[in-house]
PDB file of all heavy atoms in Angstrom:
ATOM      1  N   TYR A   1       2.688  -8.671 -12.411  1.00  0.00           N
ATOM      2  CA  TYR A   1       4.118  -8.607 -11.965  1.00  0.00           C
ATOM      3  C   TYR A   1       4.675 -10.042 -11.944  1.00  0.00           C
ATOM      4  O   TYR A   1       4.122 -10.949 -11.397  1.00  0.00           O
ATOM      5  CB  TYR A   1       4.290  -7.818 -10.599  1.00  0.00           C
ATOM      6  CG  TYR A   1       5.626  -7.823 -10.112  1.00  0.00           C
ATOM      7  CD1 TYR A   1       6.560  -6.841 -10.664  1.00  0.00           C
ATOM      8  CD2 TYR A   1       6.103  -8.678  -9.146  1.00  0.00           C
ATOM      9  CE1 TYR A   1       7.831  -6.768 -10.167  1.00  0.00           C
ATOM     10  CE2 TYR A   1       7.404  -8.611  -8.674  1.00  0.00           C
ATOM     11  CZ  TYR A   1       8.235  -7.669  -9.197  1.00  0.00           C
ATOM     12  OH  TYR A   1       9.553  -7.541  -8.741  1.00  0.00           O
ATOM     13  N   ASP A   2       5.919 -10.219 -12.367  1.00  0.00           N
ATOM     14  CA  ASP A   2       6.551 -11.508 -12.397  1.00  0.00           C
ATOM     15  C   ASP A   2       7.188 -11.874 -11.118  1.00  0.00           C
ATOM     16  O   ASP A   2       8.302 -11.473 -10.782  1.00  0.00           O
ATOM     17  CB  ASP A   2       7.630 -11.503 -13.492  1.00  0.00           C
ATOM     18  CG  ASP A   2       8.215 -12.911 -13.661  1.00  0.00           C
ATOM     19  OD1 ASP A   2       7.831 -13.870 -12.977  1.00  0.00           O
ATOM     20  OD2 ASP A   2       9.132 -13.029 -14.520  1.00  0.00           O
ATOM     21  N   ILE A   3       6.455 -12.567 -10.226  1.00  0.00           N
ATOM     22  CA  ILE A   3       6.901 -12.845  -8.907  1.00  0.00           C
ATOM     23  C   ILE A   3       7.911 -14.127  -8.850  1.00  0.00           C
ATOM     24  O   ILE A   3       8.385 -14.467  -7.817  1.00  0.00           O
ATOM     25  CB  ILE A   3       5.725 -13.134  -7.925  1.00  0.00           C
ATOM     26  CG1 ILE A   3       4.877 -14.325  -8.473  1.00  0.00           C
ATOM     27  CG2 ILE A   3       4.917 -11.900  -7.629  1.00  0.00           C
ATOM     28  CD1 ILE A   3       3.783 -14.725  -7.554  1.00  0.00           C
ATOM     29  N   ARG A   4       8.192 -14.574 -10.066  1.00  0.00           N
ATOM     30  CA  ARG A   4       9.225 -15.631 -10.130  1.00  0.00           C
ATOM     31  C   ARG A   4      10.586 -15.067 -10.299  1.00  0.00           C
ATOM     32  O   ARG A   4      11.607 -15.804 -10.126  1.00  0.00           O
ATOM     33  CB  ARG A   4       8.864 -16.661 -11.207  1.00  0.00           C
ATOM     34  CG  ARG A   4       7.665 -17.556 -10.866  1.00  0.00           C
ATOM     35  CD  ARG A   4       7.247 -18.513 -11.925  1.00  0.00           C
ATOM     36  NE  ARG A   4       6.242 -19.427 -11.526  1.00  0.00           N
ATOM     37  CZ  ARG A   4       4.908 -19.067 -11.436  1.00  0.00           C
ATOM     38  NH1 ARG A   4       4.577 -17.823 -11.770  1.00  0.00           N
ATOM     39  NH2 ARG A   4       4.079 -19.940 -11.040  1.00  0.00           N
ATOM     40  N   HIS A   5      10.602 -13.830 -10.791  1.00  0.00           N
ATOM     41  CA  HIS A   5      11.879 -13.146 -11.047  1.00  0.00           C
ATOM     42  C   HIS A   5      11.803 -11.684 -10.457  1.00  0.00           C
ATOM     43  O   HIS A   5      11.429 -10.771 -11.186  1.00  0.00           O
ATOM     44  CB  HIS A   5      12.226 -13.162 -12.532  1.00  0.00           C
ATOM     45  CG  HIS A   5      12.243 -14.481 -13.188  1.00  0.00           C
ATOM     46  ND1 HIS A   5      11.196 -15.086 -13.780  1.00  0.00           N
ATOM     47  CD2 HIS A   5      13.295 -15.369 -13.294  1.00  0.00           C
ATOM     48  CE1 HIS A   5      11.538 -16.273 -14.244  1.00  0.00           C
ATOM     49  NE2 HIS A   5      12.787 -16.478 -13.883  1.00  0.00           N
ATOM     50  N   TRP A   6      11.989 -11.597  -9.217  1.00  0.00           N
ATOM     51  CA  TRP A   6      11.818 -10.332  -8.547  1.00  0.00           C
ATOM     52  C   TRP A   6      12.753  -9.241  -9.036  1.00  0.00           C
ATOM     53  O   TRP A   6      14.021  -9.355  -8.826  1.00  0.00           O
ATOM     54  CB  TRP A   6      11.973 -10.525  -7.009  1.00  0.00           C
ATOM     55  CG  TRP A   6      10.885 -11.389  -6.371  1.00  0.00           C
ATOM     56  CD1 TRP A   6      10.954 -12.832  -6.366  1.00  0.00           C
ATOM     57  CD2 TRP A   6       9.671 -11.016  -5.900  1.00  0.00           C
ATOM     58  NE1 TRP A   6       9.792 -13.231  -5.735  1.00  0.00           N
ATOM     59  CE2 TRP A   6       8.999 -12.232  -5.426  1.00  0.00           C
ATOM     60  CE3 TRP A   6       8.991  -9.815  -5.679  1.00  0.00           C
ATOM     61  CZ2 TRP A   6       7.712 -12.180  -4.901  1.00  0.00           C
ATOM     62  CZ3 TRP A   6       7.745  -9.761  -5.070  1.00  0.00           C
ATOM     63  CH2 TRP A   6       7.097 -11.004  -4.729  1.00  0.00           C
ATOM     64  N   ASP A   7      12.210  -8.228  -9.645  1.00  0.00           N
ATOM     65  CA  ASP A   7      13.038  -7.074 -10.066  1.00  0.00           C
ATOM     66  C   ASP A   7      12.646  -5.909  -9.136  1.00  0.00           C
ATOM     67  O   ASP A   7      11.560  -5.373  -9.251  1.00  0.00           O
ATOM     68  CB  ASP A   7      12.754  -6.767 -11.547  1.00  0.00           C
ATOM     69  CG  ASP A   7      13.511  -5.553 -11.990  1.00  0.00           C
ATOM     70  OD1 ASP A   7      14.801  -5.701 -12.258  1.00  0.00           O
ATOM     71  OD2 ASP A   7      12.901  -4.431 -12.054  1.00  0.00           O
ATOM     72  N   MET A   8      13.675  -5.541  -8.334  1.00  0.00           N
ATOM     73  CA  MET A   8      13.314  -4.487  -7.298  1.00  0.00           C
ATOM     74  C   MET A   8      13.013  -3.135  -7.901  1.00  0.00           C
ATOM     75  O   MET A   8      12.224  -2.378  -7.387  1.00  0.00           O
ATOM     76  CB  MET A   8      14.441  -4.464  -6.325  1.00  0.00           C
ATOM     77  CG  MET A   8      14.644  -5.693  -5.514  1.00  0.00           C
ATOM     78  SD  MET A   8      13.128  -6.164  -4.667  1.00  0.00           S
ATOM     79  CE  MET A   8      13.449  -7.920  -4.189  1.00  0.00           C
ATOM     80  N   ALA A   9      13.645  -2.837  -8.986  1.00  0.00           N
ATOM     81  CA  ALA A   9      13.317  -1.540  -9.672  1.00  0.00           C
ATOM     82  C   ALA A   9      11.904  -1.483 -10.089  1.00  0.00           C
ATOM     83  O   ALA A   9      11.231  -0.458 -10.094  1.00  0.00           O
ATOM     84  CB  ALA A   9      14.306  -1.251 -10.818  1.00  0.00           C
ATOM     85  N   THR A  10      11.417  -2.591 -10.632  1.00  0.00           N
ATOM     86  CA  THR A  10      10.032  -2.680 -11.082  1.00  0.00           C
ATOM     87  C   THR A  10       9.036  -2.752  -9.888  1.00  0.00           C
ATOM     88  O   THR A  10       7.943  -2.263  -9.949  1.00  0.00           O
ATOM     89  CB  THR A  10       9.767  -3.815 -12.004  1.00  0.00           C
ATOM     90  OG1 THR A  10      10.767  -3.847 -13.011  1.00  0.00           O
ATOM     91  CG2 THR A  10       8.387  -3.860 -12.573  1.00  0.00           C
ATOM     92  N   LEU A  11       9.450  -3.458  -8.821  1.00  0.00           N
ATOM     93  CA  LEU A  11       8.612  -3.547  -7.660  1.00  0.00           C
ATOM     94  C   LEU A  11       8.491  -2.260  -6.942  1.00  0.00           C
ATOM     95  O   LEU A  11       7.332  -1.990  -6.345  1.00  0.00           O
ATOM     96  CB  LEU A  11       9.249  -4.533  -6.720  1.00  0.00           C
ATOM     97  CG  LEU A  11       8.559  -4.880  -5.382  1.00  0.00           C
ATOM     98  CD1 LEU A  11       7.213  -5.562  -5.677  1.00  0.00           C
ATOM     99  CD2 LEU A  11       9.400  -5.746  -4.451  1.00  0.00           C
ATOM    100  N   LEU A  12       9.476  -1.418  -6.959  1.00  0.00           N
ATOM    101  CA  LEU A  12       9.432  -0.215  -6.095  1.00  0.00           C
ATOM    102  C   LEU A  12       8.191   0.682  -6.264  1.00  0.00           C
ATOM    103  O   LEU A  12       7.547   1.061  -5.333  1.00  0.00           O
ATOM    104  CB  LEU A  12      10.740   0.645  -6.268  1.00  0.00           C
ATOM    105  CG  LEU A  12      10.877   1.854  -5.400  1.00  0.00           C
ATOM    106  CD1 LEU A  12      10.838   1.378  -3.862  1.00  0.00           C
ATOM    107  CD2 LEU A  12      12.180   2.606  -5.670  1.00  0.00           C
ATOM    108  N   PRO A  13       7.893   1.046  -7.597  1.00  0.00           N
ATOM    109  CA  PRO A  13       6.708   1.894  -7.761  1.00  0.00           C
ATOM    110  C   PRO A  13       5.422   1.133  -7.288  1.00  0.00           C
ATOM    111  O   PRO A  13       4.450   1.854  -6.805  1.00  0.00           O
ATOM    112  CB  PRO A  13       6.663   2.186  -9.274  1.00  0.00           C
ATOM    113  CG  PRO A  13       7.529   1.190  -9.904  1.00  0.00           C
ATOM    114  CD  PRO A  13       8.625   0.870  -8.834  1.00  0.00           C
ATOM    115  N   LEU A  14       5.363  -0.172  -7.471  1.00  0.00           N
ATOM    116  CA  LEU A  14       4.153  -0.889  -7.011  1.00  0.00           C
ATOM    117  C   LEU A  14       4.127  -0.839  -5.470  1.00  0.00           C
ATOM    118  O   LEU A  14       2.960  -0.718  -4.893  1.00  0.00           O
ATOM    119  CB  LEU A  14       4.206  -2.370  -7.443  1.00  0.00           C
ATOM    120  CG  LEU A  14       4.031  -2.592  -8.951  1.00  0.00           C
ATOM    121  CD1 LEU A  14       4.318  -4.118  -9.232  1.00  0.00           C
ATOM    122  CD2 LEU A  14       2.673  -2.166  -9.467  1.00  0.00           C
ATOM    123  N   LEU A  15       5.241  -0.948  -4.840  1.00  0.00           N
ATOM    124  CA  LEU A  15       5.304  -0.891  -3.393  1.00  0.00           C
ATOM    125  C   LEU A  15       4.904   0.497  -2.808  1.00  0.00           C
ATOM    126  O   LEU A  15       4.134   0.616  -1.869  1.00  0.00           O
ATOM    127  CB  LEU A  15       6.715  -1.279  -2.907  1.00  0.00           C
ATOM    128  CG  LEU A  15       6.957  -1.209  -1.434  1.00  0.00           C
ATOM    129  CD1 LEU A  15       6.029  -2.040  -0.646  1.00  0.00           C
ATOM    130  CD2 LEU A  15       8.418  -1.527  -1.172  1.00  0.00           C
ATOM    131  N   GLU A  16       5.417   1.541  -3.475  1.00  0.00           N
ATOM    132  CA  GLU A  16       5.184   2.905  -3.081  1.00  0.00           C
ATOM    133  C   GLU A  16       3.613   3.136  -3.207  1.00  0.00           C
ATOM    134  O   GLU A  16       3.041   3.718  -2.301  1.00  0.00           O
ATOM    135  CB  GLU A  16       5.935   3.923  -3.906  1.00  0.00           C
ATOM    136  CG  GLU A  16       7.383   3.963  -3.611  1.00  0.00           C
ATOM    137  CD  GLU A  16       8.093   5.266  -4.150  1.00  0.00           C
ATOM    138  OE1 GLU A  16       7.475   6.394  -3.878  1.00  0.00           O
ATOM    139  OE2 GLU A  16       9.066   5.153  -4.907  1.00  0.00           O
ATOM    140  N   TYR A  17       3.089   2.714  -4.229  1.00  0.00           N
ATOM    141  CA  TYR A  17       1.623   2.912  -4.493  1.00  0.00           C
ATOM    142  C   TYR A  17       0.802   2.223  -3.364  1.00  0.00           C
ATOM    143  O   TYR A  17      -0.071   2.725  -2.772  1.00  0.00           O
ATOM    144  CB  TYR A  17       1.140   2.362  -5.857  1.00  0.00           C
ATOM    145  CG  TYR A  17      -0.193   2.694  -6.240  1.00  0.00           C
ATOM    146  CD1 TYR A  17      -0.479   3.753  -7.145  1.00  0.00           C
ATOM    147  CD2 TYR A  17      -1.243   2.106  -5.691  1.00  0.00           C
ATOM    148  CE1 TYR A  17      -1.756   4.047  -7.499  1.00  0.00           C
ATOM    149  CE2 TYR A  17      -2.583   2.340  -6.105  1.00  0.00           C
ATOM    150  CZ  TYR A  17      -2.852   3.351  -6.968  1.00  0.00           C
ATOM    151  OH  TYR A  17      -4.101   3.698  -7.328  1.00  0.00           O
ATOM    152  N   SER A  18       1.267   1.002  -3.077  1.00  0.00           N
ATOM    153  CA  SER A  18       0.620   0.129  -2.074  1.00  0.00           C
ATOM    154  C   SER A  18       0.719   0.782  -0.685  1.00  0.00           C
ATOM    155  O   SER A  18      -0.346   0.831   0.043  1.00  0.00           O
ATOM    156  CB  SER A  18       1.195  -1.254  -1.986  1.00  0.00           C
ATOM    157  OG  SER A  18       0.515  -2.153  -1.241  1.00  0.00           O
ATOM    158  N   VAL A  19       1.818   1.193  -0.307  1.00  0.00           N
ATOM    159  CA  VAL A  19       1.985   1.832   1.008  1.00  0.00           C
ATOM    160  C   VAL A  19       1.116   3.167   1.095  1.00  0.00           C
ATOM    161  O   VAL A  19       0.488   3.431   2.100  1.00  0.00           O
ATOM    162  CB  VAL A  19       3.495   2.235   1.247  1.00  0.00           C
ATOM    163  CG1 VAL A  19       3.640   3.189   2.469  1.00  0.00           C
ATOM    164  CG2 VAL A  19       4.355   0.937   1.450  1.00  0.00           C
ATOM    165  N   ASN A  20       1.087   3.830  -0.063  1.00  0.00           N
ATOM    166  CA  ASN A  20       0.241   5.054   0.020  1.00  0.00           C
ATOM    167  C   ASN A  20      -1.223   4.765   0.036  1.00  0.00           C
ATOM    168  O   ASN A  20      -1.970   5.564   0.562  1.00  0.00           O
ATOM    169  CB  ASN A  20       0.581   5.941  -1.252  1.00  0.00           C
ATOM    170  CG  ASN A  20       1.855   6.675  -1.069  1.00  0.00           C
ATOM    171  OD1 ASN A  20       2.289   6.993  -0.004  1.00  0.00           O
ATOM    172  ND2 ASN A  20       2.624   6.832  -2.213  1.00  0.00           N
ATOM    173  N   VAL A  21      -1.636   3.607  -0.502  1.00  0.00           N
ATOM    174  CA  VAL A  21      -3.021   3.252  -0.309  1.00  0.00           C
ATOM    175  C   VAL A  21      -3.322   3.120   1.273  1.00  0.00           C
ATOM    176  O   VAL A  21      -4.394   3.673   1.747  1.00  0.00           O
ATOM    177  CB  VAL A  21      -3.383   1.919  -0.991  1.00  0.00           C
ATOM    178  CG1 VAL A  21      -4.746   1.380  -0.545  1.00  0.00           C
ATOM    179  CG2 VAL A  21      -3.343   2.029  -2.488  1.00  0.00           C
ATOM    180  N   LYS A  22      -2.415   2.449   1.893  1.00  0.00           N
ATOM    181  CA  LYS A  22      -2.687   2.261   3.350  1.00  0.00           C
ATOM    182  C   LYS A  22      -2.581   3.594   4.078  1.00  0.00           C
ATOM    183  O   LYS A  22      -3.358   3.913   4.979  1.00  0.00           O
ATOM    184  CB  LYS A  22      -1.676   1.287   3.950  1.00  0.00           C
ATOM    185  CG  LYS A  22      -1.847   1.118   5.473  1.00  0.00           C
ATOM    186  CD  LYS A  22      -0.997  -0.040   6.028  1.00  0.00           C
ATOM    187  CE  LYS A  22      -1.217  -0.251   7.465  1.00  0.00           C
ATOM    188  NZ  LYS A  22      -0.479  -1.324   8.134  1.00  0.00           N
ATOM    189  N   ARG A  23      -1.553   4.446   3.709  1.00  0.00           N
ATOM    190  CA  ARG A  23      -1.402   5.738   4.408  1.00  0.00           C
ATOM    191  C   ARG A  23      -2.604   6.645   4.260  1.00  0.00           C
ATOM    192  O   ARG A  23      -3.055   7.330   5.179  1.00  0.00           O
ATOM    193  CB  ARG A  23      -0.199   6.407   3.898  1.00  0.00           C
ATOM    194  CG  ARG A  23       1.131   5.783   4.183  1.00  0.00           C
ATOM    195  CD  ARG A  23       2.300   6.560   3.569  1.00  0.00           C
ATOM    196  NE  ARG A  23       2.500   7.829   4.246  1.00  0.00           N
ATOM    197  CZ  ARG A  23       3.187   8.858   3.667  1.00  0.00           C
ATOM    198  NH1 ARG A  23       3.795   8.651   2.430  1.00  0.00           N
ATOM    199  NH2 ARG A  23       3.411  10.009   4.297  1.00  0.00           N
ATOM    200  N   ASP A  24      -3.232   6.550   3.059  1.00  0.00           N
ATOM    201  CA  ASP A  24      -4.402   7.437   2.783  1.00  0.00           C
ATOM    202  C   ASP A  24      -5.605   6.963   3.700  1.00  0.00           C
ATOM    203  O   ASP A  24      -6.307   7.811   4.196  1.00  0.00           O
ATOM    204  CB  ASP A  24      -4.745   7.319   1.303  1.00  0.00           C
ATOM    205  CG  ASP A  24      -5.944   8.213   0.975  1.00  0.00           C
ATOM    206  OD1 ASP A  24      -5.799   9.434   1.205  1.00  0.00           O
ATOM    207  OD2 ASP A  24      -6.954   7.716   0.458  1.00  0.00           O
ATOM    208  N   VAL A  25      -5.733   5.683   3.796  1.00  0.00           N
ATOM    209  CA  VAL A  25      -6.799   5.154   4.705  1.00  0.00           C
ATOM    210  C   VAL A  25      -6.573   5.561   6.134  1.00  0.00           C
ATOM    211  O   VAL A  25      -7.452   6.016   6.826  1.00  0.00           O
ATOM    212  CB  VAL A  25      -6.953   3.608   4.557  1.00  0.00           C
ATOM    213  CG1 VAL A  25      -7.850   3.056   5.587  1.00  0.00           C
ATOM    214  CG2 VAL A  25      -7.433   3.251   3.182  1.00  0.00           C
ATOM    215  N   VAL A  26      -5.310   5.354   6.600  1.00  0.00           N
ATOM    216  CA  VAL A  26      -4.998   5.675   7.969  1.00  0.00           C
ATOM    217  C   VAL A  26      -5.127   7.147   8.260  1.00  0.00           C
ATOM    218  O   VAL A  26      -5.629   7.564   9.277  1.00  0.00           O
ATOM    219  CB  VAL A  26      -3.531   5.185   8.314  1.00  0.00           C
ATOM    220  CG1 VAL A  26      -3.091   5.709   9.681  1.00  0.00           C
ATOM    221  CG2 VAL A  26      -3.452   3.669   8.238  1.00  0.00           C
ATOM    222  N   ARG A  27      -4.734   7.964   7.270  1.00  0.00           N
ATOM    223  CA  ARG A  27      -4.911   9.436   7.416  1.00  0.00           C
ATOM    224  C   ARG A  27      -6.334   9.846   7.695  1.00  0.00           C
ATOM    225  O   ARG A  27      -6.693  10.651   8.499  1.00  0.00           O
ATOM    226  CB  ARG A  27      -4.365  10.107   6.148  1.00  0.00           C
ATOM    227  CG  ARG A  27      -4.344  11.626   6.283  1.00  0.00           C
ATOM    228  CD  ARG A  27      -3.906  12.195   4.915  1.00  0.00           C
ATOM    229  NE  ARG A  27      -2.556  11.831   4.577  1.00  0.00           N
ATOM    230  CZ  ARG A  27      -2.369  11.068   3.519  1.00  0.00           C
ATOM    231  NH1 ARG A  27      -3.251  10.682   2.672  1.00  0.00           N
ATOM    232  NH2 ARG A  27      -1.096  10.759   3.190  1.00  0.00           N
ATOM    233  N   GLN A  28      -7.274   9.130   7.040  1.00  0.00           N
ATOM    234  CA  GLN A  28      -8.619   9.440   7.187  1.00  0.00           C
ATOM    235  C   GLN A  28      -9.239   8.910   8.423  1.00  0.00           C
ATOM    236  O   GLN A  28     -10.247   9.428   8.948  1.00  0.00           O
ATOM    237  CB  GLN A  28      -9.411   8.971   5.947  1.00  0.00           C
ATOM    238  CG  GLN A  28      -9.046   9.578   4.660  1.00  0.00           C
ATOM    239  CD  GLN A  28      -9.811   8.930   3.471  1.00  0.00           C
ATOM    240  OE1 GLN A  28     -11.089   9.111   3.378  1.00  0.00           O
ATOM    241  NE2 GLN A  28      -9.161   8.331   2.588  1.00  0.00           N
ATOM    242  N   ASP A  29      -8.706   7.753   8.872  1.00  0.00           N
ATOM    243  CA  ASP A  29      -9.327   7.095  10.095  1.00  0.00           C
ATOM    244  C   ASP A  29      -8.199   6.499  10.929  1.00  0.00           C
ATOM    245  O   ASP A  29      -8.072   5.194  10.932  1.00  0.00           O
ATOM    246  CB  ASP A  29     -10.272   6.032   9.545  1.00  0.00           C
ATOM    247  CG  ASP A  29     -10.948   5.245  10.678  1.00  0.00           C
ATOM    248  OD1 ASP A  29     -10.958   5.800  11.874  1.00  0.00           O
ATOM    249  OD2 ASP A  29     -11.432   4.129  10.495  1.00  0.00           O
ATOM    250  N   PRO A  30      -7.456   7.227  11.679  1.00  0.00           N
ATOM    251  CA  PRO A  30      -6.249   6.664  12.329  1.00  0.00           C
ATOM    252  C   PRO A  30      -6.585   5.597  13.394  1.00  0.00           C
ATOM    253  O   PRO A  30      -5.724   4.699  13.660  1.00  0.00           O
ATOM    254  CB  PRO A  30      -5.578   7.907  12.981  1.00  0.00           C
ATOM    255  CG  PRO A  30      -6.670   8.933  13.038  1.00  0.00           C
ATOM    256  CD  PRO A  30      -7.576   8.618  11.850  1.00  0.00           C
ATOM    257  N   PHE A  31      -7.727   5.708  14.061  1.00  0.00           N
ATOM    258  CA  PHE A  31      -8.029   4.859  15.141  1.00  0.00           C
ATOM    259  C   PHE A  31      -9.086   3.747  14.813  1.00  0.00           C
ATOM    260  O   PHE A  31      -9.709   3.160  15.703  1.00  0.00           O
ATOM    261  CB  PHE A  31      -8.498   5.665  16.404  1.00  0.00           C
ATOM    262  CG  PHE A  31      -7.387   6.588  16.896  1.00  0.00           C
ATOM    263  CD1 PHE A  31      -7.585   7.931  16.743  1.00  0.00           C
ATOM    264  CD2 PHE A  31      -6.361   6.065  17.521  1.00  0.00           C
ATOM    265  CE1 PHE A  31      -6.536   8.834  17.154  1.00  0.00           C
ATOM    266  CE2 PHE A  31      -5.301   6.885  17.950  1.00  0.00           C
ATOM    267  CZ  PHE A  31      -5.385   8.268  17.822  1.00  0.00           C
ATOM    268  N   GLU A  32      -9.250   3.429  13.579  1.00  0.00           N
ATOM    269  CA  GLU A  32     -10.094   2.382  13.137  1.00  0.00           C
ATOM    270  C   GLU A  32     -11.484   2.487  13.599  1.00  0.00           C
ATOM    271  O   GLU A  32     -12.037   1.536  14.125  1.00  0.00           O
ATOM    272  CB  GLU A  32      -9.470   1.086  13.494  1.00  0.00           C
ATOM    273  CG  GLU A  32      -9.950  -0.145  12.580  1.00  0.00           C
ATOM    274  CD  GLU A  32      -9.106  -1.350  12.845  1.00  0.00           C
ATOM    275  OE1 GLU A  32      -7.896  -1.309  12.653  1.00  0.00           O
ATOM    276  OE2 GLU A  32      -9.700  -2.373  13.187  1.00  0.00           O
ATOM    277  N   LYS A  33     -12.125   3.649  13.504  1.00  0.00           N
ATOM    278  CA  LYS A  33     -13.534   3.848  13.809  1.00  0.00           C
ATOM    279  C   LYS A  33     -14.425   3.486  12.675  1.00  0.00           C
ATOM    280  O   LYS A  33     -15.625   3.225  12.852  1.00  0.00           O
ATOM    281  CB  LYS A  33     -13.779   5.256  14.321  1.00  0.00           C
ATOM    282  CG  LYS A  33     -12.925   5.740  15.475  1.00  0.00           C
ATOM    283  CD  LYS A  33     -13.201   4.858  16.728  1.00  0.00           C
ATOM    284  CE  LYS A  33     -12.430   5.340  17.929  1.00  0.00           C
ATOM    285  NZ  LYS A  33     -12.650   4.533  19.098  1.00  0.00           N
ATOM    286  N   GLY A  34     -13.941   3.583  11.453  1.00  0.00           N
ATOM    287  CA  GLY A  34     -14.770   3.361  10.238  1.00  0.00           C
ATOM    288  C   GLY A  34     -13.957   2.829   9.087  1.00  0.00           C
ATOM    289  O   GLY A  34     -13.605   1.590   9.027  1.00  0.00           O
ATOM    290  N   LEU A  35     -13.439   3.705   8.201  1.00  0.00           N
ATOM    291  CA  LEU A  35     -12.866   3.357   6.976  1.00  0.00           C
ATOM    292  C   LEU A  35     -11.689   2.488   7.129  1.00  0.00           C
ATOM    293  O   LEU A  35     -11.419   1.563   6.326  1.00  0.00           O
ATOM    294  CB  LEU A  35     -12.444   4.599   6.133  1.00  0.00           C
ATOM    295  CG  LEU A  35     -11.731   4.366   4.803  1.00  0.00           C
ATOM    296  CD1 LEU A  35     -12.678   3.625   3.901  1.00  0.00           C
ATOM    297  CD2 LEU A  35     -11.303   5.664   4.292  1.00  0.00           C
ATOM    298  N   ARG A  36     -10.855   2.655   8.184  1.00  0.00           N
ATOM    299  CA  ARG A  36      -9.575   1.913   8.334  1.00  0.00           C
ATOM    300  C   ARG A  36      -9.956   0.283   8.523  1.00  0.00           C
ATOM    301  O   ARG A  36      -9.083  -0.464   8.278  1.00  0.00           O
ATOM    302  CB  ARG A  36      -8.874   2.316   9.614  1.00  0.00           C
ATOM    303  CG  ARG A  36      -7.436   1.644   9.741  1.00  0.00           C
ATOM    304  CD  ARG A  36      -6.588   2.268  10.728  1.00  0.00           C
ATOM    305  NE  ARG A  36      -5.310   1.496  10.838  1.00  0.00           N
ATOM    306  CZ  ARG A  36      -4.216   1.930  11.379  1.00  0.00           C
ATOM    307  NH1 ARG A  36      -4.248   3.182  11.961  1.00  0.00           N
ATOM    308  NH2 ARG A  36      -3.176   1.198  11.443  1.00  0.00           N
ATOM    309  N   LYS A  37     -11.181   0.001   8.897  1.00  0.00           N
ATOM    310  CA  LYS A  37     -11.604  -1.389   8.927  1.00  0.00           C
ATOM    311  C   LYS A  37     -11.402  -2.079   7.592  1.00  0.00           C
ATOM    312  O   LYS A  37     -11.344  -3.308   7.516  1.00  0.00           O
ATOM    313  CB  LYS A  37     -13.039  -1.542   9.438  1.00  0.00           C
ATOM    314  CG  LYS A  37     -13.209  -1.112  10.894  1.00  0.00           C
ATOM    315  CD  LYS A  37     -14.699  -1.256  11.262  1.00  0.00           C
ATOM    316  CE  LYS A  37     -14.863  -0.755  12.708  1.00  0.00           C
ATOM    317  NZ  LYS A  37     -16.282  -0.921  13.146  1.00  0.00           N
ATOM    318  N   ALA A  38     -11.390  -1.335   6.553  1.00  0.00           N
ATOM    319  CA  ALA A  38     -11.170  -1.818   5.157  1.00  0.00           C
ATOM    320  C   ALA A  38      -9.834  -2.550   5.120  1.00  0.00           C
ATOM    321  O   ALA A  38      -9.714  -3.611   4.383  1.00  0.00           O
ATOM    322  CB  ALA A  38     -11.248  -0.747   4.122  1.00  0.00           C
TER     323      ALA A  38
END
């Protein structure tokens, strides 16, 4: 991704994917007993 020329339309799907990576981990381990430590 071209971080010298931020295009928000191109960034949005990358951001959604990134947030969902975290949400999936938190869903499996909300209180950081195991996987959330990742």
